[in-house]
Amino acid sequence: MKKNNTFRQGAMALIVAGLIASCTENDAPTVEVPPVEDAFMEIQGGGASFPNSVFVNLSSEIQNSVRRDTWDLAFYTGSEFKVLINGTTGAMAYGTEVEDFQDLEIEYVEKLKAEGTLVLDFNNMNSILYVDDPKNPVANGTALGTVLSSESEAKVFIYERGNSGAEEKPWKKIKVFRSGDLYIVQHADIDSEDYTTVEITKDTDFNFVYFSFESGKVEVEPKKHEWDFVWTAGTSSTPFPQAVNGTLGYFFQDLVYHNIYGGVQAAVVMESEISYDEFSDANVNGLTFNSDDRLIIGSSWRSGGGPNSGPAIREDRYYVVRDKNENVYKLRFLSLTSGGERGRPSLEYSLVK
């Protein structure tokens, strides 16, 4: 599929060499690399246990794989103060009315465990209350709620760190509040009164600053304008009348979130409307692009399977993605596996505009 890439790479080498040769010592050559036109990509999800989140940049044909379990909290860097829990491991958070760590009784925690309050499965009809909104957590709500402006106002949350396709980790109790432009995090083991306080500074080159209770600040996402979508396991939701608010939160293996906070837009196109091969620049203006629901692609690219059949690629649809630089790509998923192994889906894409 990479029919133009060999020529592209050779041409770029000549351009760069020419620019360097023509520059003086004080000149800094500016090279604008043209976007990739056609590509085939196998997502490096890590295999059957799907351990990685994989951030994809279509125009550069680059993917960055990061283990899902390397972080616990993500701090939004926009004008608002929002903190996400790690939905990619199925984490959940329960708000208490307690203001001091020492006042949270271990019996209270054990009761939550016994009742399965913080278990992310199809039996927990209240699960959506304890996870970030899967579609757009910044706009629609996070499990940790409003980040208050003082320590005295902030309440203690019980944090179950998630063990969906990840090693189970000890529960934590946390408080998050802000001081000026800083986030302040206090965290402790669930059975301890001793806590650690950490300051988090916003970095607007990124959508979020990521934090691990063990490692401190960690790198997860690329810079916000350097990726288009992420393939990952994570928390999703579905309408379910018996669940609270009519919505059931659950964990799903093959989600695709497009980068709504970095200005990326996506649309779904059905083959019955116009085929993938026939879709061109002329068809772009007729699409309705989505920029505020990161689950537009979501799990819709594959069927779920059932008792007598496995999951499979949906061949009746494809997707159109517009990046921050106004490059428009059409893409479709080709397989769920590589050599029969899950966690390595493949796709192809082409530059339309």
Protein backbone atom coordinates (compact mmCIF):
# COMPACT_ATOMS: atom_id res chain seq x y z
CA MET A 1 0.00 0.00 0.00
CA LYS A 2 2.90 2.40 0.59
CA LYS A 3 3.13 3.08 -3.10
CA ASN A 4 4.40 6.66 -2.78
CA ASN A 5 6.61 6.32 0.28
CA THR A 6 9.84 5.17 -1.38
CA PHE A 7 9.70 8.04 -3.83
CA ARG A 8 8.66 10.40 -1.04
CA GLN A 9 11.59 9.43 1.18
CA GLY A 10 14.09 9.76 -1.66
CA ALA A 11 12.71 13.12 -2.70
CA MET A 12 12.81 14.39 0.84
CA ALA A 13 16.46 13.36 1.20
CA LEU A 14 17.35 15.38 -1.90
CA ILE A 15 15.34 18.39 -0.70
CA VAL A 16 16.97 18.37 2.72
CA ALA A 17 20.46 17.95 1.22
CA GLY A 18 19.82 20.87 -1.13
CA LEU A 19 18.57 23.09 1.65
CA ILE A 20 21.53 22.34 3.88
CA ALA A 21 23.99 22.99 1.05
CA SER A 22 22.40 26.35 0.26
CA CYS A 23 22.24 27.62 3.84
CA THR A 24 24.79 29.73 5.59
CA GLU A 25 25.95 28.85 9.09
CA ASN A 26 23.40 31.24 10.56
CA ASP A 27 20.44 29.91 8.56
CA ALA A 28 18.19 27.22 9.95
CA PRO A 29 16.49 25.30 7.11
CA THR A 30 12.76 24.82 7.47
CA VAL A 31 11.58 21.58 5.91
CA GLU A 32 7.87 20.90 5.53
CA VAL A 33 7.40 17.17 5.13
CA PRO A 34 4.43 16.31 2.90
CA PRO A 35 1.80 14.06 4.46
CA VAL A 36 1.82 10.33 3.76
CA GLU A 37 -0.53 9.57 0.88
CA ASP A 38 -1.22 5.84 1.21
CA ALA A 39 -0.31 3.38 3.93
CA PHE A 40 -0.99 0.03 5.50
CA MET A 41 -0.54 -0.16 9.26
CA GLU A 42 -0.52 -2.98 11.78
CA ILE A 43 -1.30 -1.59 15.22
CA GLN A 44 1.34 -2.57 17.80
CA GLY A 45 -1.13 -3.31 20.57
CA GLY A 46 1.14 -5.84 22.22
CA GLY A 47 -0.73 -9.08 21.61
CA ALA A 48 -3.59 -11.08 23.07
CA SER A 49 -3.57 -9.35 26.47
CA PHE A 50 -3.80 -5.96 24.64
CA PRO A 51 -1.37 -4.28 27.06
CA ASN A 52 -0.74 -1.13 25.00
CA SER A 53 -2.50 2.06 24.03
CA VAL A 54 -1.30 3.00 20.55
CA PHE A 55 -1.34 6.63 19.39
CA VAL A 56 -1.40 7.00 15.60
CA ASN A 57 -0.33 9.95 13.44
CA LEU A 58 -1.68 9.32 9.94
CA SER A 59 0.22 12.06 8.10
CA SER A 60 3.61 10.81 9.32
CA GLU A 61 2.70 7.11 9.52
CA ILE A 62 3.97 6.99 13.09
CA GLN A 63 2.54 5.01 15.97
CA ASN A 64 3.53 5.32 19.64
CA SER A 65 2.79 2.40 21.94
CA VAL A 66 2.49 2.94 25.69
CA ARG A 67 1.53 0.38 28.31
CA ARG A 68 -1.95 1.08 29.63
CA ASP A 69 -0.97 0.48 33.25
CA THR A 70 1.82 3.07 33.46
CA TRP A 71 -0.41 5.89 34.72
CA ASP A 72 -3.20 6.57 37.20
CA LEU A 73 -4.41 10.16 36.70
CA ALA A 74 -4.52 12.53 33.71
CA PHE A 75 -4.68 16.30 34.29
CA TYR A 76 -6.35 18.41 31.62
CA THR A 77 -4.21 21.28 30.34
CA GLY A 78 -6.97 23.48 28.90
CA SER A 79 -8.64 26.42 30.61
CA GLU A 80 -10.72 24.20 32.90
CA PHE A 81 -9.46 22.00 35.74
CA LYS A 82 -10.42 18.38 35.04
CA VAL A 83 -8.79 15.14 36.17
CA LEU A 84 -9.33 11.77 34.50
CA ILE A 85 -8.89 8.34 36.03
CA ASN A 86 -7.31 5.54 34.00
CA GLY A 87 -10.21 4.21 31.96
CA THR A 88 -7.81 2.11 29.90
CA THR A 89 -7.40 -0.26 32.87
CA GLY A 90 -11.06 -0.03 33.91
CA ALA A 91 -10.34 2.20 36.91
CA MET A 92 -13.21 3.53 39.03
CA ALA A 93 -13.48 6.22 41.72
CA TYR A 94 -15.99 6.62 44.55
CA GLY A 95 -16.57 9.97 46.23
CA THR A 96 -16.98 10.14 49.99
CA GLU A 97 -18.04 12.92 52.34
CA VAL A 98 -14.77 12.53 54.26
CA GLU A 99 -12.32 15.46 54.20
CA ASP A 100 -9.36 13.87 56.01
CA PHE A 101 -7.65 10.60 55.11
CA GLN A 102 -7.55 9.54 58.76
CA ASP A 103 -11.34 9.69 58.95
CA LEU A 104 -11.91 7.14 56.19
CA GLU A 105 -12.62 3.88 57.99
CA ILE A 106 -11.31 0.68 56.44
CA GLU A 107 -14.66 -0.99 57.20
CA TYR A 108 -16.29 1.47 54.81
CA VAL A 109 -13.88 0.42 52.06
CA GLU A 110 -14.39 -3.27 52.74
CA LYS A 111 -18.15 -2.78 52.44
CA LEU A 112 -17.69 -1.25 48.98
CA LYS A 113 -15.56 -4.22 47.99
CA ALA A 114 -18.08 -6.74 49.31
CA GLU A 115 -20.94 -5.05 47.46
CA GLY A 116 -19.01 -4.87 44.18
CA THR A 117 -19.56 -1.12 43.94
CA LEU A 118 -16.27 -0.58 42.10
CA VAL A 119 -16.43 -3.56 39.76
CA LEU A 120 -16.67 -2.67 36.08
CA ASP A 121 -18.80 -5.44 34.61
CA PHE A 122 -22.26 -6.05 33.17
CA ASN A 123 -23.68 -6.89 36.60
CA ASN A 124 -22.99 -3.46 38.09
CA MET A 125 -25.97 -1.31 37.19
CA ASN A 126 -24.37 1.74 38.84
CA SER A 127 -20.98 1.53 37.14
CA ILE A 128 -21.45 4.65 35.00
CA LEU A 129 -21.48 6.76 38.19
CA TYR A 130 -17.89 5.85 39.03
CA VAL A 131 -16.14 6.24 35.67
CA ASP A 132 -15.31 9.18 33.43
CA ASP A 133 -17.79 9.86 30.67
CA PRO A 134 -16.45 7.65 27.84
CA LYS A 135 -17.45 10.00 25.01
CA ASN A 136 -16.08 13.31 26.25
CA PRO A 137 -14.99 13.34 29.90
CA VAL A 138 -13.84 16.99 29.92
CA ALA A 139 -17.21 18.29 28.70
CA ASN A 140 -19.60 15.68 30.09
CA GLY A 141 -18.16 14.74 33.45
CA THR A 142 -15.43 12.87 35.28
CA ALA A 143 -15.57 10.39 38.14
CA LEU A 144 -13.62 12.82 40.34
CA GLY A 145 -16.06 15.64 39.62
CA THR A 146 -15.31 19.33 40.10
CA VAL A 147 -11.74 20.19 41.09
CA LEU A 148 -12.26 22.59 43.97
CA SER A 149 -10.06 25.55 44.79
CA SER A 150 -8.98 24.63 48.33
CA GLU A 151 -7.86 21.65 50.36
CA SER A 152 -10.53 22.23 52.98
CA GLU A 153 -13.32 21.90 50.39
CA ALA A 154 -11.96 18.79 48.67
CA LYS A 155 -13.32 15.37 49.61
CA VAL A 156 -11.54 12.04 49.74
CA PHE A 157 -12.11 9.63 46.85
CA ILE A 158 -11.60 5.88 46.98
CA TYR A 159 -9.70 4.88 43.85
CA GLU A 160 -9.86 1.34 42.43
CA ARG A 161 -7.05 1.41 39.88
CA GLY A 162 -8.47 -1.14 37.45
CA ASN A 163 -7.42 -4.68 36.60
CA SER A 164 -9.05 -5.19 33.21
CA GLY A 165 -6.30 -6.77 31.16
CA ALA A 166 -3.83 -5.35 33.67
CA GLU A 167 -2.23 -6.49 36.90
CA GLU A 168 -4.31 -5.64 39.95
CA LYS A 169 -2.85 -2.84 42.05
CA PRO A 170 -3.65 -1.74 45.62
CA TRP A 171 -6.55 0.65 46.07
CA LYS A 172 -5.75 4.26 46.91
CA LYS A 173 -7.45 7.16 48.62
CA ILE A 174 -6.91 10.54 46.97
CA LYS A 175 -7.78 14.23 47.17
CA VAL A 176 -7.44 16.59 44.22
CA PHE A 177 -7.79 20.36 44.39
CA ARG A 178 -6.15 23.39 42.82
CA SER A 179 -3.97 26.24 43.95
CA GLY A 180 -3.78 29.07 41.44
CA ASP A 181 -2.80 27.46 38.14
CA LEU A 182 -1.57 24.26 39.81
CA TYR A 183 -3.26 20.95 40.47
CA ILE A 184 -2.57 19.53 43.93
CA VAL A 185 -2.84 15.77 44.48
CA GLN A 186 -2.73 14.04 47.83
CA HIS A 187 -2.67 10.23 47.79
CA ALA A 188 -2.24 7.44 50.29
CA ASP A 189 -2.58 3.68 50.50
CA ILE A 190 -6.13 2.75 51.34
CA ASP A 191 -5.21 1.57 54.87
CA SER A 192 -2.71 4.34 55.69
CA GLU A 193 -3.01 7.79 57.24
CA ASP A 194 0.33 8.88 55.75
CA TYR A 195 -0.09 10.67 52.45
CA THR A 196 2.04 12.25 49.73
CA THR A 197 1.35 15.67 48.23
CA VAL A 198 2.27 16.42 44.61
CA GLU A 199 1.96 19.56 42.50
CA ILE A 200 1.05 19.19 38.81
CA THR A 201 1.74 22.00 36.33
CA LYS A 202 -0.25 22.27 33.11
CA ASP A 203 1.74 21.78 29.90
CA THR A 204 -0.32 23.13 27.02
CA ASP A 205 1.76 21.31 24.40
CA PHE A 206 -0.22 18.24 25.50
CA ASN A 207 -3.90 17.49 26.09
CA PHE A 208 -3.14 16.00 29.51
CA VAL A 209 -0.30 15.64 31.99
CA TYR A 210 -0.13 12.05 33.22
CA PHE A 211 0.74 10.89 36.72
CA SER A 212 1.56 7.54 38.33
CA PHE A 213 1.36 6.96 42.08
CA GLU A 214 4.61 5.00 41.87
CA SER A 215 6.56 6.92 39.22
CA GLY A 216 5.28 10.49 39.41
CA LYS A 217 4.84 12.37 36.13
CA VAL A 218 5.01 9.99 33.15
CA GLU A 219 4.86 10.34 29.35
CA VAL A 220 1.81 8.81 27.70
CA GLU A 221 0.31 10.82 24.84
CA PRO A 222 2.41 12.52 22.16
CA LYS A 223 2.01 16.29 21.88
CA LYS A 224 -1.62 17.18 21.21
CA HIS A 225 -1.17 18.05 17.53
CA GLU A 226 1.02 15.02 16.79
CA TRP A 227 -1.56 12.23 16.89
CA ASP A 228 -4.96 11.56 15.32
CA PHE A 229 -6.42 8.59 17.18
CA VAL A 230 -5.54 6.03 19.80
CA TRP A 231 -6.35 2.32 19.67
CA THR A 232 -6.78 1.00 23.19
CA ALA A 233 -8.78 -1.08 25.56
CA GLY A 234 -10.88 1.11 27.80
CA THR A 235 -14.15 2.14 29.35
CA SER A 236 -17.13 2.47 27.06
CA SER A 237 -20.89 2.76 27.59
CA THR A 238 -24.11 1.51 26.08
CA PRO A 239 -27.82 2.27 26.57
CA PHE A 240 -29.27 -0.17 29.10
CA PRO A 241 -32.72 0.46 30.62
CA GLN A 242 -32.00 -1.37 33.89
CA ALA A 243 -28.85 0.63 34.60
CA VAL A 244 -28.77 3.93 36.49
CA ASN A 245 -29.46 6.83 34.11
CA GLY A 246 -30.23 4.24 31.44
CA THR A 247 -26.52 3.82 30.66
CA LEU A 248 -24.20 0.95 31.47
CA GLY A 249 -20.45 1.47 31.77
CA TYR A 250 -18.33 -1.48 30.71
CA PHE A 251 -14.82 -2.42 29.60
CA PHE A 252 -14.07 -3.09 25.93
CA GLN A 253 -10.93 -4.36 24.23
CA ASP A 254 -10.87 -2.66 20.82
CA LEU A 255 -11.74 1.01 21.17
CA VAL A 256 -10.60 3.80 18.86
CA TYR A 257 -10.75 7.33 20.32
CA HIS A 258 -10.08 10.16 17.87
CA ASN A 259 -8.21 13.13 19.28
CA ILE A 260 -11.07 15.55 19.96
CA TYR A 261 -8.99 17.69 22.34
CA GLY A 262 -6.31 18.14 19.67
CA GLY A 263 -8.71 19.35 17.00
CA VAL A 264 -9.14 16.08 15.08
CA GLN A 265 -12.53 15.34 13.53
CA ALA A 266 -14.03 12.06 12.31
CA ALA A 267 -17.00 10.81 10.33
CA VAL A 268 -18.50 7.41 9.52
CA VAL A 269 -19.32 6.52 5.91
CA MET A 270 -21.35 3.48 4.88
CA GLU A 271 -20.33 1.47 1.83
CA SER A 272 -23.97 1.51 0.75
CA GLU A 273 -23.75 5.32 0.37
CA ILE A 274 -20.43 5.45 -1.46
CA SER A 275 -17.71 2.83 -1.60
CA TYR A 276 -14.31 3.29 -0.02
CA ASP A 277 -12.59 3.06 -3.40
CA GLU A 278 -14.87 5.70 -4.95
CA PHE A 279 -14.72 8.19 -2.08
CA SER A 280 -12.81 11.31 -3.14
CA ASP A 281 -12.24 14.98 -2.41
CA ALA A 282 -15.61 15.80 -3.97
CA ASN A 283 -17.40 13.84 -1.25
CA VAL A 284 -15.78 15.52 1.76
CA ASN A 285 -18.06 18.56 1.96
CA GLY A 286 -21.12 16.35 2.23
CA LEU A 287 -19.92 14.76 5.48
CA THR A 288 -20.82 15.76 9.03
CA PHE A 289 -17.59 15.62 11.00
CA ASN A 290 -17.68 15.03 14.74
CA SER A 291 -15.36 16.92 17.07
CA ASP A 292 -16.85 16.30 20.52
CA ASP A 293 -17.50 12.54 20.79
CA ARG A 294 -14.31 10.52 20.76
CA LEU A 295 -16.30 7.27 20.39
CA ILE A 296 -17.54 8.04 16.87
CA ILE A 297 -15.20 5.31 15.67
CA GLY A 298 -15.15 3.64 19.08
CA SER A 299 -16.03 -0.03 18.75
CA SER A 300 -18.17 0.40 15.63
CA TRP A 301 -15.42 -0.90 13.31
CA ARG A 302 -15.87 -4.45 14.61
CA SER A 303 -18.77 -6.71 15.54
CA GLY A 304 -18.84 -8.13 19.03
CA GLY A 305 -19.18 -11.80 18.26
CA GLY A 306 -21.32 -14.18 20.32
CA PRO A 307 -21.66 -17.73 21.65
CA ASN A 308 -21.17 -19.27 18.22
CA SER A 309 -18.94 -16.74 16.49
CA GLY A 310 -15.93 -14.58 17.20
CA PRO A 311 -15.63 -10.83 16.72
CA ALA A 312 -15.07 -9.67 13.15
CA ILE A 313 -14.31 -6.57 11.09
CA ARG A 314 -17.36 -4.68 9.87
CA GLU A 315 -16.89 -4.36 6.13
CA ASP A 316 -19.98 -2.19 5.60
CA ARG A 317 -18.30 1.04 6.76
CA TYR A 318 -15.15 3.09 6.80
CA TYR A 319 -14.07 6.37 8.36
CA VAL A 320 -12.90 9.79 7.28
CA VAL A 321 -10.53 11.68 9.57
CA ARG A 322 -9.59 15.36 9.30
CA ASP A 323 -6.46 16.28 11.23
CA LYS A 324 -5.41 19.59 12.75
CA ASN A 325 -3.60 20.55 9.53
CA GLU A 326 -6.74 19.98 7.41
CA ASN A 327 -5.40 16.76 5.88
CA VAL A 328 -8.35 14.47 5.20
CA TYR A 329 -7.88 10.71 5.20
CA LYS A 330 -10.21 7.83 4.49
CA LEU A 331 -9.39 4.68 6.44
CA ARG A 332 -10.79 1.22 6.94
CA PHE A 333 -9.91 -1.63 9.23
CA LEU A 334 -8.81 -4.87 7.57
CA SER A 335 -8.26 -7.41 10.34
CA LEU A 336 -8.49 -7.95 14.08
CA THR A 337 -5.42 -10.15 14.28
CA SER A 338 -1.92 -10.73 12.98
CA GLY A 339 -1.00 -14.39 12.55
CA GLY A 340 -4.14 -15.25 14.50
CA GLU A 341 -3.09 -13.16 17.51
CA ARG A 342 -5.44 -10.53 18.90
CA GLY A 343 -4.21 -7.07 19.88
CA ARG A 344 -2.63 -6.44 16.48
CA PRO A 345 -5.40 -5.07 14.20
CA SER A 346 -4.54 -3.69 10.79
CA LEU A 347 -5.90 -0.87 8.66
CA GLU A 348 -5.26 0.99 5.45
CA TYR A 349 -5.73 4.66 4.70
CA SER A 350 -5.37 7.17 1.87
CA LEU A 351 -5.05 10.92 1.66
CA VAL A 352 -8.21 12.40 0.14
CA LYS A 353 -7.55 16.11 0.52
